[in-house]
Protein backbone atom coordinates (compact mmCIF):
# COMPACT_ATOMS: atom_id res chain seq x y z
CA MET A 1 0.00 0.00 0.00
CA ASP A 2 1.35 3.41 -0.91
CA LEU A 3 0.57 6.76 0.70
CA GLN A 4 -2.23 7.61 -1.75
CA GLU A 5 -3.99 4.29 -1.11
CA ALA A 6 -3.58 4.86 2.64
CA LYS A 7 -5.23 8.27 2.36
CA GLU A 8 -8.10 6.80 0.34
CA GLU A 9 -8.64 4.08 2.94
CA CYS A 10 -8.73 6.66 5.72
CA GLU A 11 -11.28 8.67 3.72
CA ARG A 12 -13.47 5.54 3.36
CA TRP A 13 -13.31 5.02 7.10
CA LEU A 14 -14.22 8.64 7.81
CA ALA A 15 -17.13 8.41 5.36
CA HIS A 16 -18.33 5.29 7.17
CA LEU A 17 -18.20 7.15 10.50
CA ASP A 18 -20.14 10.07 9.01
CA ALA A 19 -22.85 7.69 7.79
CA GLN A 20 -23.10 6.16 11.27
CA LYS A 21 -23.40 9.61 12.84
CA GLU A 22 -26.17 10.57 10.44
CA ARG A 23 -28.06 7.37 11.24
CA VAL A 24 -27.79 8.06 14.97
CA HIS A 25 -29.02 11.64 14.52
CA SER A 26 -31.95 10.40 12.46
CA LEU A 27 -32.87 7.87 15.14
CA GLN A 28 -32.59 10.56 17.80
CA ARG A 29 -34.96 12.81 15.85
CA VAL A 30 -37.52 10.01 15.54
CA ALA A 31 -37.22 9.25 19.27
CA ALA A 32 -37.68 12.92 20.17
CA MET A 33 -40.72 13.25 17.92
CA ARG A 34 -42.19 10.10 19.45
CA ARG A 35 -41.65 11.40 23.00
CA ARG A 36 -43.32 14.72 22.12
CA GLY A 37 -46.28 12.87 20.65
CA GLU A 38 -45.64 14.18 17.14
CA MET A 39 -45.39 10.66 15.76
CA GLY A 40 -47.29 7.48 16.48
CA LEU A 41 -45.66 4.23 17.48
CA SER A 42 -46.28 2.52 14.15
CA GLU A 43 -44.90 5.49 12.19
CA ALA A 44 -41.80 5.58 14.41
CA ARG A 45 -41.26 1.86 13.85
CA GLU A 46 -41.58 2.34 10.10
CA LYS A 47 -38.99 5.12 10.14
CA ILE A 48 -36.58 3.00 12.17
CA GLU A 49 -37.04 0.09 9.75
CA GLU A 50 -36.21 2.45 6.86
CA PHE A 51 -32.94 3.40 8.55
CA ASP A 52 -32.09 -0.24 9.15
CA ILE A 53 -32.82 -1.21 5.55
CA ARG A 54 -30.60 1.41 3.92
CA ALA A 55 -27.82 1.59 6.49
CA PRO A 56 -26.61 -1.91 7.35
CA THR A 57 -23.04 -1.48 6.23
CA VAL A 58 -20.00 -2.85 7.95
CA TYR A 59 -16.58 -1.31 7.58
CA ASP A 60 -13.74 -3.80 7.22
CA GLY A 61 -10.96 -2.24 9.26
CA SER A 62 -8.25 -4.66 8.17
CA ARG A 63 -6.96 -2.26 5.51
CA LEU A 64 -7.23 0.69 7.87
CA ALA A 65 -4.49 -0.72 10.10
CA ASP A 66 -2.21 -1.03 7.07
CA ALA A 67 -3.09 2.51 6.00
CA ILE A 68 -2.22 3.90 9.42
CA ARG A 69 1.12 2.09 9.38
CA VAL A 70 1.96 3.56 5.97
CA MET A 71 1.00 7.05 7.08
CA LEU A 72 2.93 6.80 10.34
CA ARG A 73 6.07 5.84 8.43
CA GLN A 74 5.72 9.09 6.48
CA ILE A 75 5.86 11.33 9.53
């Protein structure tokens, strides 16, 4: 792995983290709306299912460790 590939791998990891954060914020908004009574239970469940359907991605961190090693050698 060269430095450019290491940077790209780190960018993929950061993008994965951003997607996770967005999912959490979306779930928090649904929970808040449900607590305030702005959304029924069935509607809240539907929204949560939508998040689960489009977001089940897993990041394979095996290449991230290699990327970090390459980048550390550069500094």
